[in-house]
């Protein structure tokens, strides 16, 4: 549950920052006529919608298992995270490129460029605050590993998406600011259009990167290596288990499914064997609360 609270806080930080930034950018884009600013405003509105979808995914994954979904709805969050990455690609990236290409041939110059520069500068501060809030929440979970290692191994798609969005937003704002400044300094509005195209390319790269990461979770990825090792070590330390023959885990949102094939310590009856298995299952769930399902099969060592 603490993991879910962490995700909720990170999404909320990003939503509040993006909503304020989107409205400010829109006003500035109308006043200045900046294509890069318009691209950034669309990007911020898309991010607001994305955070709404992630909230929906967090709520949907809480639904209890039923006949058609016996392992629950935990992977709902992966589906909505994948949709968010597609929206970032289409609404953010493709629109920014389209706007930039359009401005290349019909840019009328910037009006009141200092407004655009001021808005972009303030937006960078707000986005940096949102990114800091996200990383602060992630730090509670990453257990002293590097941020990149956490990103590669994390099974929390919603946090991965928020981190990716925040980084994309901050870099996009930097591109927009540089393009507007160059347009003002050189007097050539073409730099503004180039900035819009650069923002679009950046968003597409990050969205595809996120989509590939989430795809692994969506099609069925194991629990992280740390959890797998902990499960294996715990079972091997049990007196009821003589040898682990096979261990499979599956990450299902915040829950984990475990399937074990093991050579059990010899006992006098089937009832005692069943009791040994039940003890192992109970201890696993007690040690690692994320484990919701355990399928335990006793077997011979071939």
Protein backbone atom coordinates (compact mmCIF):
# COMPACT_ATOMS: atom_id res chain seq x y z
CA UNK A 1 0.00 0.00 0.00
CA UNK A 2 2.92 2.34 0.67
CA UNK A 3 4.04 1.82 -2.93
CA UNK A 4 0.61 2.92 -4.13
CA UNK A 5 0.67 6.00 -1.91
CA UNK A 6 4.07 6.86 -3.35
CA UNK A 7 2.69 6.57 -6.89
CA UNK A 8 -0.35 8.68 -6.04
CA UNK A 9 1.77 11.48 -4.59
CA UNK A 10 4.10 11.51 -7.60
CA UNK A 11 1.19 11.66 -10.06
CA UNK A 12 -0.50 14.41 -8.03
CA UNK A 13 2.67 16.53 -8.01
CA UNK A 14 2.96 16.18 -11.78
CA UNK A 15 -0.75 16.90 -12.40
CA UNK A 16 -0.80 20.12 -10.37
CA UNK A 17 2.41 21.37 -11.98
CA UNK A 18 1.31 20.53 -15.52
CA UNK A 19 -2.15 22.07 -15.18
CA UNK A 20 -0.79 25.42 -14.04
CA UNK A 21 1.95 25.34 -16.67
CA UNK A 22 -0.44 24.38 -19.49
CA UNK A 23 -2.76 27.31 -18.84
CA UNK A 24 0.14 29.76 -18.59
CA UNK A 25 1.74 28.45 -21.78
CA UNK A 26 -1.52 28.71 -23.69
CA UNK A 27 -1.93 32.37 -22.81
CA UNK A 28 1.70 33.05 -23.71
CA UNK A 29 1.39 31.14 -27.03
CA UNK A 30 -1.64 33.23 -28.05
CA UNK A 31 0.13 36.49 -27.15
CA UNK A 32 3.51 35.70 -28.72
CA UNK A 33 2.50 33.50 -31.67
CA UNK A 34 5.34 31.12 -30.77
CA UNK A 35 5.10 27.66 -32.33
CA UNK A 36 7.48 26.23 -29.75
CA UNK A 37 5.30 27.68 -26.98
CA UNK A 38 2.15 26.22 -28.55
CA UNK A 39 3.84 22.84 -28.86
CA UNK A 40 4.81 23.03 -25.19
CA UNK A 41 1.24 23.96 -24.13
CA UNK A 42 -0.19 20.96 -26.03
CA UNK A 43 2.47 18.80 -24.39
CA UNK A 44 1.42 20.02 -20.93
CA UNK A 45 -2.30 19.41 -21.60
CA UNK A 46 -1.44 15.92 -22.85
CA UNK A 47 0.51 15.31 -19.66
CA UNK A 48 -2.50 16.38 -17.57
CA UNK A 49 -4.64 13.86 -19.42
CA UNK A 50 -1.94 11.25 -18.94
CA UNK A 51 -1.92 11.74 -15.19
CA UNK A 52 -5.72 11.37 -15.19
CA UNK A 53 -5.35 8.02 -16.97
CA UNK A 54 -2.74 6.88 -14.44
CA UNK A 55 -5.09 7.76 -11.58
CA UNK A 56 -7.78 5.71 -13.34
CA UNK A 57 -5.34 2.80 -13.70
CA UNK A 58 -4.45 2.91 -10.00
CA UNK A 59 -8.14 2.74 -9.12
CA UNK A 60 -8.94 -0.01 -11.64
CA UNK A 61 -6.18 -2.30 -10.42
CA UNK A 62 -7.79 -2.43 -6.96
CA UNK A 63 -10.74 -4.46 -8.26
CA UNK A 64 -10.97 -7.86 -6.62
CA UNK A 65 -10.39 -11.10 -8.57
CA UNK A 66 -13.43 -12.64 -10.23
CA UNK A 67 -14.23 -15.69 -12.36
CA UNK A 68 -12.94 -14.10 -15.58
CA UNK A 69 -9.88 -12.55 -13.92
CA UNK A 70 -8.86 -15.01 -11.19
CA UNK A 71 -5.50 -13.31 -10.66
CA UNK A 72 -7.07 -9.89 -10.25
CA UNK A 73 -6.76 -6.64 -12.18
CA UNK A 74 -3.29 -5.54 -11.11
CA UNK A 75 -2.02 -5.36 -14.70
CA UNK A 76 -4.60 -2.66 -15.51
CA UNK A 77 -1.99 -0.08 -14.50
CA UNK A 78 0.36 -1.47 -17.17
CA UNK A 79 -2.29 -1.06 -19.86
CA UNK A 80 -3.02 2.55 -18.95
CA UNK A 81 0.68 3.34 -18.64
CA UNK A 82 1.16 1.99 -22.16
CA UNK A 83 -1.71 4.14 -23.42
CA UNK A 84 -0.07 7.16 -21.79
CA UNK A 85 3.17 6.47 -23.68
CA UNK A 86 1.19 6.34 -26.95
CA UNK A 87 -0.53 9.64 -26.15
CA UNK A 88 2.84 11.22 -25.41
CA UNK A 89 3.95 9.98 -28.85
CA UNK A 90 0.88 11.14 -30.79
CA UNK A 91 -0.50 14.25 -29.09
CA UNK A 92 2.84 15.47 -27.85
CA UNK A 93 5.50 14.39 -30.32
CA UNK A 94 3.68 14.25 -33.64
CA UNK A 95 1.75 17.49 -33.05
CA UNK A 96 4.94 19.34 -32.10
CA UNK A 97 6.67 18.18 -35.28
CA UNK A 98 3.63 19.12 -37.38
CA UNK A 99 3.47 22.57 -35.80
CA UNK A 100 7.20 23.09 -36.38
CA UNK A 101 7.07 22.04 -40.03
CA UNK A 102 4.05 24.29 -40.57
CA UNK A 103 5.85 27.25 -39.00
CA UNK A 104 8.91 26.69 -41.18
CA UNK A 105 7.00 27.95 -44.20
CA UNK A 106 4.60 30.43 -42.62
CA UNK A 107 6.16 31.92 -39.49
CA UNK A 108 5.18 35.54 -38.97
CA UNK A 109 7.66 36.20 -36.17
CA UNK A 110 7.24 36.44 -32.41
CA UNK A 111 5.17 39.01 -30.56
CA UNK A 112 6.31 40.01 -27.06
CA UNK A 113 9.03 37.33 -26.92
CA UNK A 114 9.99 38.34 -23.39
CA UNK A 115 6.64 36.98 -22.23
CA UNK A 116 7.51 33.62 -23.76
CA UNK A 117 10.94 33.66 -22.14
CA UNK A 118 9.48 34.54 -18.72
CA UNK A 119 6.78 31.85 -18.94
CA UNK A 120 9.25 29.19 -20.06
CA UNK A 121 11.65 30.10 -17.26
CA UNK A 122 8.92 29.88 -14.60
CA UNK A 123 7.65 26.64 -16.16
CA UNK A 124 11.12 25.12 -15.91
CA UNK A 125 11.17 25.90 -12.19
CA UNK A 126 7.76 24.27 -11.70
CA UNK A 127 8.69 21.22 -13.76
CA UNK A 128 11.95 20.89 -11.84
CA UNK A 129 9.91 20.94 -8.62
CA UNK A 130 7.63 18.22 -10.01
CA UNK A 131 10.66 16.12 -11.04
CA UNK A 132 12.20 16.61 -7.60
CA UNK A 133 8.93 15.45 -5.97
CA UNK A 134 8.86 12.35 -8.19
CA UNK A 135 12.49 11.46 -7.45
CA UNK A 136 11.87 12.03 -3.72
CA UNK A 137 9.08 9.44 -3.81
CA UNK A 138 11.22 7.05 -5.88
CA UNK A 139 14.07 7.37 -3.35
CA UNK A 140 11.79 5.74 -0.78
CA UNK A 141 11.69 2.60 -2.94
CA UNK A 142 15.01 2.24 -4.76
CA UNK A 143 17.06 0.98 -1.77
CA UNK A 144 20.32 2.82 -2.51
CA UNK A 145 20.63 1.62 -6.12
CA UNK A 146 21.22 4.22 -8.82
CA UNK A 147 18.23 5.93 -10.40
CA UNK A 148 19.04 4.31 -13.76
CA UNK A 149 19.22 0.84 -12.17
CA UNK A 150 15.89 1.46 -10.46
CA UNK A 151 14.38 2.60 -13.77
CA UNK A 152 15.53 -0.55 -15.59
CA UNK A 153 14.37 -2.93 -12.85
CA UNK A 154 11.25 -1.18 -11.55
CA UNK A 155 7.90 -2.93 -11.88
CA UNK A 156 5.93 0.25 -11.04
CA UNK A 157 5.00 1.45 -14.51
CA UNK A 158 3.13 4.52 -13.24
CA UNK A 159 6.24 5.88 -11.52
CA UNK A 160 8.37 5.08 -14.57
CA UNK A 161 5.94 7.02 -16.76
CA UNK A 162 5.79 10.04 -14.43
CA UNK A 163 9.59 10.14 -14.26
CA UNK A 164 9.85 9.93 -18.04
CA UNK A 165 7.20 12.63 -18.52
CA UNK A 166 8.89 14.98 -16.06
CA UNK A 167 12.27 14.56 -17.73
CA UNK A 168 10.70 15.05 -21.18
CA UNK A 169 8.86 18.15 -19.99
CA UNK A 170 11.99 19.72 -18.51
CA UNK A 171 14.09 19.01 -21.60
CA UNK A 172 11.26 20.23 -23.85
CA UNK A 173 11.07 23.51 -21.96
CA UNK A 174 14.83 23.91 -22.30
CA UNK A 175 14.58 23.35 -26.07
CA UNK A 176 11.72 25.85 -26.31
CA UNK A 177 13.59 28.47 -24.28
CA UNK A 178 16.74 28.13 -26.38
CA UNK A 179 14.75 28.34 -29.63
CA UNK A 180 12.89 31.48 -28.54
CA UNK A 181 16.10 33.14 -27.34
CA UNK A 182 17.83 32.33 -30.64
CA UNK A 183 14.86 33.71 -32.58
CA UNK A 184 15.07 36.96 -30.59
CA UNK A 185 18.87 37.31 -30.78
CA UNK A 186 19.15 36.52 -34.50
CA UNK A 187 15.86 38.06 -35.54
CA UNK A 188 15.14 34.84 -37.45
CA UNK A 189 11.83 33.20 -36.37
CA UNK A 190 12.89 29.98 -38.07
CA UNK A 191 14.64 28.95 -34.83
CA UNK A 192 11.26 28.89 -33.09
CA UNK A 193 9.97 26.39 -35.64
CA UNK A 194 13.12 24.30 -35.30
CA UNK A 195 12.59 24.28 -31.53
CA UNK A 196 9.08 22.91 -31.99
CA UNK A 197 10.42 20.11 -34.21
CA UNK A 198 13.15 19.35 -31.67
CA UNK A 199 10.58 19.08 -28.89
CA UNK A 200 8.53 16.67 -31.01
CA UNK A 201 11.51 14.43 -31.75
CA UNK A 202 12.43 14.40 -28.05
CA UNK A 203 8.90 13.40 -27.00
CA UNK A 204 8.74 10.61 -29.59
CA UNK A 205 12.09 9.16 -28.43
CA UNK A 206 11.07 9.19 -24.76
CA UNK A 207 7.56 7.83 -25.46
CA UNK A 208 8.96 4.92 -27.49
CA UNK A 209 11.49 4.23 -24.73
CA UNK A 210 8.66 4.13 -22.16
CA UNK A 211 6.50 1.95 -24.41
CA UNK A 212 9.25 -0.67 -24.75
CA UNK A 213 9.80 -0.68 -20.99
CA UNK A 214 6.08 -1.08 -20.21
CA UNK A 215 5.61 -3.71 -22.94
CA UNK A 216 7.68 -6.17 -20.89
CA UNK A 217 5.35 -5.72 -17.92
CA UNK A 218 2.25 -5.85 -20.08
CA UNK A 219 3.05 -9.21 -21.69
CA UNK A 220 4.16 -10.77 -18.40
CA UNK A 221 7.39 -10.01 -16.54
CA UNK A 222 8.77 -11.71 -13.46
CA UNK A 223 9.18 -9.99 -10.12
CA UNK A 224 12.45 -8.11 -9.79
CA UNK A 225 15.64 -10.10 -9.19
CA UNK A 226 15.86 -8.96 -5.56
CA UNK A 227 12.42 -10.44 -4.82
CA UNK A 228 13.22 -13.66 -6.70
CA UNK A 229 16.44 -14.13 -4.73
CA UNK A 230 14.65 -13.42 -1.45
CA UNK A 231 11.96 -16.03 -2.24
CA UNK A 232 14.55 -18.64 -3.25
CA UNK A 233 16.74 -18.06 -0.20
CA UNK A 234 13.79 -18.17 2.15
CA UNK A 235 12.46 -21.45 0.76
CA UNK A 236 15.90 -23.09 0.73
CA UNK A 237 16.33 -22.13 4.38
CA UNK A 238 13.10 -23.88 5.37
CA UNK A 239 13.45 -27.32 6.98
CA UNK A 240 10.37 -28.47 5.04
CA UNK A 241 12.15 -27.98 1.69
CA UNK A 242 15.06 -30.17 0.62
CA UNK A 243 15.68 -28.60 -2.79
CA UNK A 244 14.10 -25.99 -5.10
CA UNK A 245 13.59 -27.55 -8.54
CA UNK A 246 11.92 -24.59 -10.26
CA UNK A 247 10.75 -21.12 -9.30
CA UNK A 248 8.59 -18.81 -11.42
CA UNK A 249 7.30 -15.39 -10.42
CA UNK A 250 4.95 -13.07 -12.27
CA UNK A 251 4.43 -9.39 -11.52
CA UNK A 252 0.73 -8.45 -11.62
CA UNK A 253 0.67 -4.77 -10.80
CA UNK A 254 1.49 -4.40 -7.11
CA UNK A 255 0.89 -8.14 -6.52
CA UNK A 256 3.18 -11.07 -7.24
CA UNK A 257 2.29 -14.64 -8.20
CA UNK A 258 4.72 -17.40 -7.26
CA UNK A 259 4.87 -20.94 -8.67
CA UNK A 260 7.26 -23.38 -6.98
CA UNK A 261 8.30 -26.93 -7.77
CA UNK A 262 10.33 -28.37 -4.90
CA UNK A 263 11.66 -31.62 -3.49
CA UNK A 264 10.21 -31.69 -0.01
CA UNK A 265 11.74 -33.17 3.12
CA UNK A 266 10.44 -36.69 3.64
CA UNK A 267 7.48 -37.04 5.98
CA UNK A 268 5.34 -39.94 7.13
CA UNK A 269 2.03 -39.05 5.50
CA UNK A 270 0.31 -36.99 2.81
CA UNK A 271 -1.28 -34.88 5.52
CA UNK A 272 2.13 -33.89 6.86
CA UNK A 273 3.32 -33.06 3.33
CA UNK A 274 0.31 -30.80 2.83
CA UNK A 275 0.97 -29.15 6.17
CA UNK A 276 4.61 -28.51 5.19
CA UNK A 277 3.51 -26.88 1.92
CA UNK A 278 0.92 -24.74 3.70
CA UNK A 279 3.54 -23.54 6.19
CA UNK A 280 5.90 -22.55 3.35
CA UNK A 281 3.14 -20.66 1.55
CA UNK A 282 2.08 -18.87 4.72
CA UNK A 283 5.65 -17.85 5.59
CA UNK A 284 6.25 -16.55 2.06
CA UNK A 285 3.19 -14.29 2.20
CA UNK A 286 4.11 -13.13 5.69
CA UNK A 287 7.69 -12.30 4.67
CA UNK A 288 6.78 -10.63 1.35
CA UNK A 289 3.28 -9.03 1.58
CA UNK A 290 3.22 -8.37 -2.20
CA UNK A 291 2.84 -12.12 -2.78
CA UNK A 292 -0.86 -12.84 -3.24
CA UNK A 293 -0.82 -16.23 -4.97
CA UNK A 294 1.44 -19.24 -4.34
CA UNK A 295 1.19 -22.45 -6.36
CA UNK A 296 3.35 -25.11 -4.71
CA UNK A 297 4.06 -28.45 -6.41
CA UNK A 298 6.07 -31.18 -4.64
CA UNK A 299 8.15 -33.36 -6.95
CA UNK A 300 11.10 -35.73 -7.17
CA UNK A 301 14.61 -34.65 -8.05
CA UNK A 302 15.25 -36.14 -11.51
